[in-house]
Amino acid sequence: MKMLDKVGRATTGFFDYSGGIATLAGESAGFLVRLRIRFVETLNQCYFLGFQSLSIVLLTSLFTGMVISLESAMQAVQYGVGNLVGGAVTYGSVRELGPMLTAVVVAGRVGAAIAAELGSMVVTEQIDALTSMGLEPTRFLVVPRLLALLIMLPLLTICADVISTLGGMWIAQTYAHISVETFLSSARQAIGFEDVLKGLVKSVVFALIIALVGAYQGLSTRGGAAGVGKATTGAVVISIILIFVSNFALSMVLFGGH
């Protein structure tokens, strides 16, 4: 009976959480469709959530591209297929690692920040104050952050793809003596504009996950300062898990037939 009770509680909690996320997403979509957007706050969030994440995204992507190139270039040259290294680096970066790693890095920084901000507002009763004045917390707090991430995460992904390719090209040229022309020619043959667009579709989905999970965790905070800490940790963990799961599902849908 205890096992059944645990399973029942877990199932109820899962559907309760999923319903809360879906409700928040629906409310946010309604404000976006009606263009009830706080544009100045959205621009501020673009700077905070997007531009201030640029350095860590670039560093992560740079070293990821360099590692892929380092691991593959020497072996490729030994087997006489050095002309495939550029394709391998860009293929992995544009289709998989670029969008996913960018999302994971942003989730660690931005998801935690959103949950902590909104959670602190909940425990200090600022959310109740907004509601008592007839203002919608979703419009004032969630929509600007959601829209900012929908704009900035694809842009960060493009930057990550570019810097990852450049890092891989530098390593291939330095350690395996693969020319820039050979590397870029291989890259052009391996991926097309369609692959870049599909990678950006992934980043849009990841942006939705990070913003909605972070906002929901923050708005459902209970228990004072300790609750804020739990909400922040939960936002990061749940966002990263959902990013990995959705990345697999999207790869099956977008690339499964190729």
C-alpha atoms as a PDB file:
ATOM      1  CA  MET A   1       0.000   0.000   0.000  1.00  0.00           C
ATOM      2  CA  LYS A   2       2.835   2.376   0.777  1.00  0.00           C
ATOM      3  CA  MET A   3       4.287   1.769  -2.686  1.00  0.00           C
ATOM      4  CA  LEU A   4       0.920   2.452  -4.320  1.00  0.00           C
ATOM      5  CA  ASP A   5       0.583   5.595  -2.231  1.00  0.00           C
ATOM      6  CA  LYS A   6       3.997   6.832  -3.393  1.00  0.00           C
ATOM      7  CA  VAL A   7       3.175   6.063  -7.020  1.00  0.00           C
ATOM      8  CA  GLY A   8      -0.146   7.854  -6.697  1.00  0.00           C
ATOM      9  CA  ARG A   9       1.429  10.925  -5.119  1.00  0.00           C
ATOM     10  CA  ALA A  10       4.134  11.028  -7.792  1.00  0.00           C
ATOM     11  CA  THR A  11       1.565  10.711 -10.573  1.00  0.00           C
ATOM     12  CA  THR A  12      -0.625  13.422  -9.053  1.00  0.00           C
ATOM     13  CA  GLY A  13       2.378  15.692  -8.591  1.00  0.00           C
ATOM     14  CA  PHE A  14       3.463  15.142 -12.204  1.00  0.00           C
ATOM     15  CA  PHE A  15       0.072  16.056 -13.648  1.00  0.00           C
ATOM     16  CA  ASP A  16      -0.285  18.982 -11.252  1.00  0.00           C
ATOM     17  CA  TYR A  17       3.105  20.344 -12.318  1.00  0.00           C
ATOM     18  CA  SER A  18       2.395  19.757 -16.016  1.00  0.00           C
ATOM     19  CA  GLY A  19      -0.976  21.471 -15.685  1.00  0.00           C
ATOM     20  CA  GLY A  20       0.606  24.458 -13.951  1.00  0.00           C
ATOM     21  CA  ILE A  21       3.202  24.832 -16.704  1.00  0.00           C
ATOM     22  CA  ALA A  22       0.538  24.487 -19.402  1.00  0.00           C
ATOM     23  CA  THR A  23      -1.677  27.093 -17.712  1.00  0.00           C
ATOM     24  CA  LEU A  24       1.216  29.532 -17.416  1.00  0.00           C
ATOM     25  CA  ALA A  25       2.131  28.923 -21.069  1.00  0.00           C
ATOM     26  CA  GLY A  26      -1.458  29.540 -22.153  1.00  0.00           C
ATOM     27  CA  GLU A  27      -1.737  32.774 -20.199  1.00  0.00           C
ATOM     28  CA  SER A  28       1.586  34.012 -21.584  1.00  0.00           C
ATOM     29  CA  ALA A  29       0.591  33.092 -25.144  1.00  0.00           C
ATOM     30  CA  GLY A  30      -2.639  35.031 -24.706  1.00  0.00           C
ATOM     31  CA  PHE A  31      -0.777  38.207 -23.737  1.00  0.00           C
ATOM     32  CA  LEU A  32       1.702  37.736 -26.604  1.00  0.00           C
ATOM     33  CA  VAL A  33      -1.022  37.223 -29.194  1.00  0.00           C
ATOM     34  CA  ARG A  34      -2.846  40.357 -28.001  1.00  0.00           C
ATOM     35  CA  LEU A  35       0.487  42.229 -27.991  1.00  0.00           C
ATOM     36  CA  ARG A  36       0.083  43.157 -24.333  1.00  0.00           C
ATOM     37  CA  ILE A  37       3.837  43.363 -23.964  1.00  0.00           C
ATOM     38  CA  ARG A  38       6.008  45.609 -21.815  1.00  0.00           C
ATOM     39  CA  PHE A  39       8.589  46.459 -24.458  1.00  0.00           C
ATOM     40  CA  VAL A  40      11.028  48.371 -22.239  1.00  0.00           C
ATOM     41  CA  GLU A  41      11.094  45.572 -19.669  1.00  0.00           C
ATOM     42  CA  THR A  42      11.521  43.033 -22.476  1.00  0.00           C
ATOM     43  CA  LEU A  43      14.576  44.925 -23.754  1.00  0.00           C
ATOM     44  CA  ASN A  44      16.010  45.006 -20.235  1.00  0.00           C
ATOM     45  CA  GLN A  45      15.492  41.264 -19.944  1.00  0.00           C
ATOM     46  CA  CYS A  46      17.127  40.732 -23.353  1.00  0.00           C
ATOM     47  CA  TYR A  47      20.213  42.431 -21.992  1.00  0.00           C
ATOM     48  CA  PHE A  48      20.187  40.623 -18.661  1.00  0.00           C
ATOM     49  CA  LEU A  49      19.167  37.148 -19.816  1.00  0.00           C
ATOM     50  CA  GLY A  50      20.784  37.177 -23.247  1.00  0.00           C
ATOM     51  CA  PHE A  51      23.689  39.562 -23.641  1.00  0.00           C
ATOM     52  CA  GLN A  52      25.112  38.911 -20.184  1.00  0.00           C
ATOM     53  CA  SER A  53      25.092  35.173 -20.962  1.00  0.00           C
ATOM     54  CA  LEU A  54      27.146  35.674 -24.127  1.00  0.00           C
ATOM     55  CA  SER A  55      30.604  35.280 -22.589  1.00  0.00           C
ATOM     56  CA  ILE A  56      29.941  31.947 -20.906  1.00  0.00           C
ATOM     57  CA  VAL A  57      28.162  30.623 -24.009  1.00  0.00           C
ATOM     58  CA  LEU A  58      31.090  31.597 -26.237  1.00  0.00           C
ATOM     59  CA  LEU A  59      33.653  30.041 -23.904  1.00  0.00           C
ATOM     60  CA  THR A  60      31.695  26.806 -23.653  1.00  0.00           C
ATOM     61  CA  SER A  61      31.189  26.588 -27.415  1.00  0.00           C
ATOM     62  CA  LEU A  62      34.768  27.511 -28.235  1.00  0.00           C
ATOM     63  CA  PHE A  63      36.287  24.754 -26.145  1.00  0.00           C
ATOM     64  CA  THR A  64      33.664  22.249 -27.261  1.00  0.00           C
ATOM     65  CA  GLY A  65      34.533  22.853 -30.912  1.00  0.00           C
ATOM     66  CA  MET A  66      38.228  22.679 -30.107  1.00  0.00           C
ATOM     67  CA  VAL A  67      37.835  19.358 -28.277  1.00  0.00           C
ATOM     68  CA  ILE A  68      35.818  17.796 -31.117  1.00  0.00           C
ATOM     69  CA  SER A  69      38.438  18.926 -33.628  1.00  0.00           C
ATOM     70  CA  LEU A  70      41.348  17.798 -31.447  1.00  0.00           C
ATOM     71  CA  GLU A  71      39.872  14.333 -30.964  1.00  0.00           C
ATOM     72  CA  SER A  72      39.024  13.825 -34.616  1.00  0.00           C
ATOM     73  CA  ALA A  73      41.662  15.713 -36.629  1.00  0.00           C
ATOM     74  CA  MET A  74      44.756  13.657 -35.780  1.00  0.00           C
ATOM     75  CA  GLN A  75      42.993  10.337 -36.336  1.00  0.00           C
ATOM     76  CA  ALA A  76      41.398  11.591 -39.538  1.00  0.00           C
ATOM     77  CA  VAL A  77      44.755  12.652 -40.979  1.00  0.00           C
ATOM     78  CA  GLN A  78      46.307   9.286 -40.080  1.00  0.00           C
ATOM     79  CA  TYR A  79      43.589   7.468 -42.024  1.00  0.00           C
ATOM     80  CA  GLY A  80      43.712   9.910 -44.915  1.00  0.00           C
ATOM     81  CA  VAL A  81      40.330  11.520 -44.353  1.00  0.00           C
ATOM     82  CA  GLY A  82      41.444  14.886 -43.016  1.00  0.00           C
ATOM     83  CA  ASN A  83      39.061  16.557 -45.468  1.00  0.00           C
ATOM     84  CA  LEU A  84      36.131  15.337 -43.324  1.00  0.00           C
ATOM     85  CA  VAL A  85      37.113  17.103 -40.091  1.00  0.00           C
ATOM     86  CA  GLY A  86      35.416  20.396 -40.898  1.00  0.00           C
ATOM     87  CA  GLY A  87      32.190  18.583 -41.653  1.00  0.00           C
ATOM     88  CA  ALA A  88      32.362  16.609 -38.424  1.00  0.00           C
ATOM     89  CA  VAL A  89      32.863  19.719 -36.286  1.00  0.00           C
ATOM     90  CA  THR A  90      30.143  21.815 -37.922  1.00  0.00           C
ATOM     91  CA  TYR A  91      27.743  18.877 -38.213  1.00  0.00           C
ATOM     92  CA  GLY A  92      27.900  18.169 -34.486  1.00  0.00           C
ATOM     93  CA  SER A  93      27.856  21.826 -33.495  1.00  0.00           C
ATOM     94  CA  VAL A  94      25.030  23.110 -35.673  1.00  0.00           C
ATOM     95  CA  ARG A  95      22.653  20.176 -35.328  1.00  0.00           C
ATOM     96  CA  GLU A  96      23.217  19.060 -31.745  1.00  0.00           C
ATOM     97  CA  LEU A  97      25.870  20.513 -29.464  1.00  0.00           C
ATOM     98  CA  GLY A  98      25.375  24.182 -30.360  1.00  0.00           C
ATOM     99  CA  PRO A  99      21.669  24.426 -29.459  1.00  0.00           C
ATOM    100  CA  MET A 100      21.803  21.943 -26.583  1.00  0.00           C
ATOM    101  CA  LEU A 101      24.931  23.179 -24.812  1.00  0.00           C
ATOM    102  CA  THR A 102      23.832  26.781 -25.191  1.00  0.00           C
ATOM    103  CA  ALA A 103      20.482  25.909 -23.647  1.00  0.00           C
ATOM    104  CA  VAL A 104      22.088  23.998 -20.762  1.00  0.00           C
ATOM    105  CA  VAL A 105      24.449  26.874 -19.986  1.00  0.00           C
ATOM    106  CA  VAL A 106      21.647  29.428 -20.183  1.00  0.00           C
ATOM    107  CA  ALA A 107      19.389  27.226 -18.044  1.00  0.00           C
ATOM    108  CA  GLY A 108      22.046  27.147 -15.335  1.00  0.00           C
ATOM    109  CA  ARG A 109      22.344  30.919 -15.273  1.00  0.00           C
ATOM    110  CA  VAL A 110      19.022  32.294 -16.499  1.00  0.00           C
ATOM    111  CA  GLY A 111      16.654  29.631 -15.171  1.00  0.00           C
ATOM    112  CA  ALA A 112      18.103  30.058 -11.704  1.00  0.00           C
ATOM    113  CA  ALA A 113      17.900  33.855 -11.958  1.00  0.00           C
ATOM    114  CA  ILE A 114      14.240  33.823 -13.033  1.00  0.00           C
ATOM    115  CA  ALA A 115      13.239  31.395 -10.277  1.00  0.00           C
ATOM    116  CA  ALA A 116      15.179  33.328  -7.629  1.00  0.00           C
ATOM    117  CA  GLU A 117      13.754  36.706  -8.676  1.00  0.00           C
ATOM    118  CA  LEU A 118      10.143  35.598  -8.807  1.00  0.00           C
ATOM    119  CA  GLY A 119      10.509  33.401  -5.724  1.00  0.00           C
ATOM    120  CA  SER A 120      11.841  36.328  -3.724  1.00  0.00           C
ATOM    121  CA  MET A 121       8.899  38.436  -4.878  1.00  0.00           C
ATOM    122  CA  VAL A 122       6.499  35.709  -3.750  1.00  0.00           C
ATOM    123  CA  VAL A 123       7.939  35.332  -0.236  1.00  0.00           C
ATOM    124  CA  THR A 124       8.067  39.122   0.237  1.00  0.00           C
ATOM    125  CA  GLU A 125       4.423  39.336  -0.924  1.00  0.00           C
ATOM    126  CA  GLN A 126       5.172  41.576  -3.895  1.00  0.00           C
ATOM    127  CA  ILE A 127       3.155  39.261  -6.146  1.00  0.00           C
ATOM    128  CA  ASP A 128       0.154  39.638  -3.833  1.00  0.00           C
ATOM    129  CA  ALA A 129       0.581  43.415  -4.007  1.00  0.00           C
ATOM    130  CA  LEU A 130       0.486  43.315  -7.822  1.00  0.00           C
ATOM    131  CA  THR A 131      -2.639  41.180  -7.759  1.00  0.00           C
ATOM    132  CA  SER A 132      -4.370  43.430  -5.232  1.00  0.00           C
ATOM    133  CA  MET A 133      -3.779  46.402  -7.559  1.00  0.00           C
ATOM    134  CA  GLY A 134      -5.497  44.558 -10.399  1.00  0.00           C
ATOM    135  CA  LEU A 135      -2.272  43.854 -12.330  1.00  0.00           C
ATOM    136  CA  GLU A 136      -1.543  40.483 -13.933  1.00  0.00           C
ATOM    137  CA  PRO A 137       1.704  38.959 -12.596  1.00  0.00           C
ATOM    138  CA  THR A 138       2.016  36.834 -15.737  1.00  0.00           C
ATOM    139  CA  ARG A 139       1.992  39.864 -18.011  1.00  0.00           C
ATOM    140  CA  PHE A 140       4.279  41.965 -15.840  1.00  0.00           C
ATOM    141  CA  LEU A 141       6.792  39.298 -14.819  1.00  0.00           C
ATOM    142  CA  VAL A 142       6.626  36.217 -17.040  1.00  0.00           C
ATOM    143  CA  VAL A 143       5.932  37.530 -20.545  1.00  0.00           C
ATOM    144  CA  PRO A 144       8.975  39.887 -20.740  1.00  0.00           C
ATOM    145  CA  ARG A 145      11.311  37.080 -19.644  1.00  0.00           C
ATOM    146  CA  LEU A 146       9.719  34.562 -21.990  1.00  0.00           C
ATOM    147  CA  LEU A 147       9.839  36.880 -24.997  1.00  0.00           C
ATOM    148  CA  ALA A 148      13.424  37.905 -24.207  1.00  0.00           C
ATOM    149  CA  LEU A 149      14.553  34.277 -24.167  1.00  0.00           C
ATOM    150  CA  LEU A 150      12.653  33.486 -27.374  1.00  0.00           C
ATOM    151  CA  ILE A 151      14.616  36.287 -29.038  1.00  0.00           C
ATOM    152  CA  MET A 152      18.020  35.864 -27.443  1.00  0.00           C
ATOM    153  CA  LEU A 153      18.516  32.089 -27.216  1.00  0.00           C
ATOM    154  CA  PRO A 154      18.463  31.561 -31.020  1.00  0.00           C
ATOM    155  CA  LEU A 155      20.915  34.463 -31.386  1.00  0.00           C
ATOM    156  CA  LEU A 156      23.172  32.937 -28.737  1.00  0.00           C
ATOM    157  CA  THR A 157      22.940  29.613 -30.571  1.00  0.00           C
ATOM    158  CA  ILE A 158      24.114  31.224 -33.814  1.00  0.00           C
ATOM    159  CA  CYS A 159      27.063  32.775 -31.970  1.00  0.00           C
ATOM    160  CA  ALA A 160      27.840  29.393 -30.413  1.00  0.00           C
ATOM    161  CA  ASP A 161      27.785  27.657 -33.812  1.00  0.00           C
ATOM    162  CA  VAL A 162      30.146  30.225 -35.318  1.00  0.00           C
ATOM    163  CA  ILE A 163      32.664  30.277 -32.465  1.00  0.00           C
ATOM    164  CA  SER A 164      32.623  26.479 -32.184  1.00  0.00           C
ATOM    165  CA  THR A 165      33.432  26.161 -35.889  1.00  0.00           C
ATOM    166  CA  LEU A 166      36.202  28.754 -35.671  1.00  0.00           C
ATOM    167  CA  GLY A 167      37.741  27.033 -32.657  1.00  0.00           C
ATOM    168  CA  GLY A 168      37.633  23.673 -34.400  1.00  0.00           C
ATOM    169  CA  MET A 169      39.177  25.178 -37.540  1.00  0.00           C
ATOM    170  CA  TRP A 170      42.049  26.693 -35.561  1.00  0.00           C
ATOM    171  CA  ILE A 171      42.825  23.399 -33.830  1.00  0.00           C
ATOM    172  CA  ALA A 172      42.609  21.455 -37.106  1.00  0.00           C
ATOM    173  CA  GLN A 173      45.013  23.866 -38.773  1.00  0.00           C
ATOM    174  CA  THR A 174      47.437  24.038 -35.838  1.00  0.00           C
ATOM    175  CA  TYR A 175      47.667  20.389 -34.801  1.00  0.00           C
ATOM    176  CA  ALA A 176      46.699  18.445 -37.923  1.00  0.00           C
ATOM    177  CA  HIS A 177      47.809  20.962 -40.595  1.00  0.00           C
ATOM    178  CA  ILE A 178      44.413  20.933 -42.274  1.00  0.00           C
ATOM    179  CA  SER A 179      44.076  24.068 -44.369  1.00  0.00           C
ATOM    180  CA  VAL A 180      41.302  26.584 -43.802  1.00  0.00           C
ATOM    181  CA  GLU A 181      40.023  26.010 -47.345  1.00  0.00           C
ATOM    182  CA  THR A 182      39.762  22.240 -46.793  1.00  0.00           C
ATOM    183  CA  PHE A 183      38.045  22.698 -43.448  1.00  0.00           C
ATOM    184  CA  LEU A 184      35.461  25.180 -44.778  1.00  0.00           C
ATOM    185  CA  SER A 185      34.820  23.125 -47.909  1.00  0.00           C
ATOM    186  CA  SER A 186      34.072  20.088 -45.760  1.00  0.00           C
ATOM    187  CA  ALA A 187      31.816  22.162 -43.531  1.00  0.00           C
ATOM    188  CA  ARG A 188      29.801  23.474 -46.487  1.00  0.00           C
ATOM    189  CA  GLN A 189      29.309  19.956 -47.815  1.00  0.00           C
ATOM    190  CA  ALA A 190      28.238  18.548 -44.430  1.00  0.00           C
ATOM    191  CA  ILE A 191      25.544  21.053 -43.478  1.00  0.00           C
ATOM    192  CA  GLY A 192      23.100  23.328 -45.230  1.00  0.00           C
ATOM    193  CA  PHE A 193      20.917  26.260 -44.306  1.00  0.00           C
ATOM    194  CA  GLU A 194      18.123  23.822 -43.459  1.00  0.00           C
ATOM    195  CA  ASP A 195      20.273  22.276 -40.726  1.00  0.00           C
ATOM    196  CA  VAL A 196      20.896  25.710 -39.209  1.00  0.00           C
ATOM    197  CA  LEU A 197      17.166  26.462 -39.195  1.00  0.00           C
ATOM    198  CA  LYS A 198      16.369  23.149 -37.519  1.00  0.00           C
ATOM    199  CA  GLY A 199      18.963  23.901 -34.858  1.00  0.00           C
ATOM    200  CA  LEU A 200      17.264  27.244 -34.256  1.00  0.00           C
ATOM    201  CA  VAL A 201      13.889  25.498 -33.942  1.00  0.00           C
ATOM    202  CA  LYS A 202      15.443  23.483 -31.121  1.00  0.00           C
ATOM    203  CA  SER A 203      16.670  26.646 -29.429  1.00  0.00           C
ATOM    204  CA  VAL A 204      13.155  28.152 -29.528  1.00  0.00           C
ATOM    205  CA  VAL A 205      11.746  25.066 -27.788  1.00  0.00           C
ATOM    206  CA  PHE A 206      14.566  25.179 -25.225  1.00  0.00           C
ATOM    207  CA  ALA A 207      13.830  28.874 -24.584  1.00  0.00           C
ATOM    208  CA  LEU A 208      10.200  28.019 -23.818  1.00  0.00           C
ATOM    209  CA  ILE A 209      11.305  25.316 -21.392  1.00  0.00           C
ATOM    210  CA  ILE A 210      13.802  27.502 -19.532  1.00  0.00           C
ATOM    211  CA  ALA A 211      11.489  30.518 -19.206  1.00  0.00           C
ATOM    212  CA  LEU A 212       8.326  28.619 -18.253  1.00  0.00           C
ATOM    213  CA  VAL A 213       9.967  26.233 -15.795  1.00  0.00           C
ATOM    214  CA  GLY A 214      11.945  29.033 -14.140  1.00  0.00           C
ATOM    215  CA  ALA A 215       8.872  31.269 -13.876  1.00  0.00           C
ATOM    216  CA  TYR A 216       6.612  28.490 -12.591  1.00  0.00           C
ATOM    217  CA  GLN A 217       9.155  27.401 -10.005  1.00  0.00           C
ATOM    218  CA  GLY A 218       9.506  30.976  -8.823  1.00  0.00           C
ATOM    219  CA  LEU A 219       5.777  31.700  -8.680  1.00  0.00           C
ATOM    220  CA  SER A 220       5.069  28.463  -6.786  1.00  0.00           C
ATOM    221  CA  THR A 221       7.716  29.155  -4.138  1.00  0.00           C
ATOM    222  CA  ARG A 222       6.692  28.442  -0.560  1.00  0.00           C
ATOM    223  CA  GLY A 223       8.575  28.501   2.733  1.00  0.00           C
ATOM    224  CA  GLY A 224      10.602  31.706   2.838  1.00  0.00           C
ATOM    225  CA  ALA A 225      14.300  31.853   1.962  1.00  0.00           C
ATOM    226  CA  ALA A 226      14.673  28.069   2.071  1.00  0.00           C
ATOM    227  CA  GLY A 227      11.827  27.801  -0.420  1.00  0.00           C
ATOM    228  CA  VAL A 228      13.581  30.198  -2.780  1.00  0.00           C
ATOM    229  CA  GLY A 229      16.668  27.989  -2.696  1.00  0.00           C
ATOM    230  CA  LYS A 230      14.619  24.877  -3.457  1.00  0.00           C
ATOM    231  CA  ALA A 231      12.766  26.626  -6.272  1.00  0.00           C
ATOM    232  CA  THR A 232      16.027  27.819  -7.831  1.00  0.00           C
ATOM    233  CA  THR A 233      17.636  24.378  -7.678  1.00  0.00           C
ATOM    234  CA  GLY A 234      14.493  22.746  -9.017  1.00  0.00           C
ATOM    235  CA  ALA A 235      14.303  25.180 -11.931  1.00  0.00           C
ATOM    236  CA  VAL A 236      17.818  24.326 -13.087  1.00  0.00           C
ATOM    237  CA  VAL A 237      17.492  20.567 -12.630  1.00  0.00           C
ATOM    238  CA  ILE A 238      14.068  20.258 -14.268  1.00  0.00           C
ATOM    239  CA  SER A 239      15.027  22.575 -17.154  1.00  0.00           C
ATOM    240  CA  ILE A 240      18.179  20.606 -17.966  1.00  0.00           C
ATOM    241  CA  ILE A 241      16.355  17.263 -17.820  1.00  0.00           C
ATOM    242  CA  LEU A 242      13.614  18.565 -20.118  1.00  0.00           C
ATOM    243  CA  ILE A 243      16.216  20.022 -22.497  1.00  0.00           C
ATOM    244  CA  PHE A 244      17.899  16.633 -22.889  1.00  0.00           C
ATOM    245  CA  VAL A 245      14.578  14.821 -23.330  1.00  0.00           C
ATOM    246  CA  SER A 246      13.194  17.332 -25.811  1.00  0.00           C
ATOM    247  CA  ASN A 247      16.510  17.412 -27.694  1.00  0.00           C
ATOM    248  CA  PHE A 248      16.207  13.684 -28.341  1.00  0.00           C
ATOM    249  CA  ALA A 249      12.561  14.011 -29.386  1.00  0.00           C
ATOM    250  CA  LEU A 250      13.282  16.958 -31.680  1.00  0.00           C
ATOM    251  CA  SER A 251      16.249  15.170 -33.249  1.00  0.00           C
ATOM    252  CA  MET A 252      13.988  12.222 -34.023  1.00  0.00           C
ATOM    253  CA  VAL A 253      11.375  14.513 -35.601  1.00  0.00           C
ATOM    254  CA  LEU A 254      13.690  16.932 -37.430  1.00  0.00           C
ATOM    255  CA  PHE A 255      16.585  14.668 -38.412  1.00  0.00           C
ATOM    256  CA  GLY A 256      15.237  11.149 -37.966  1.00  0.00           C
ATOM    257  CA  GLY A 257      14.430  10.712 -41.627  1.00  0.00           C
ATOM    258  CA  HIS A 258      17.906  11.752 -42.844  1.00  0.00           C
END
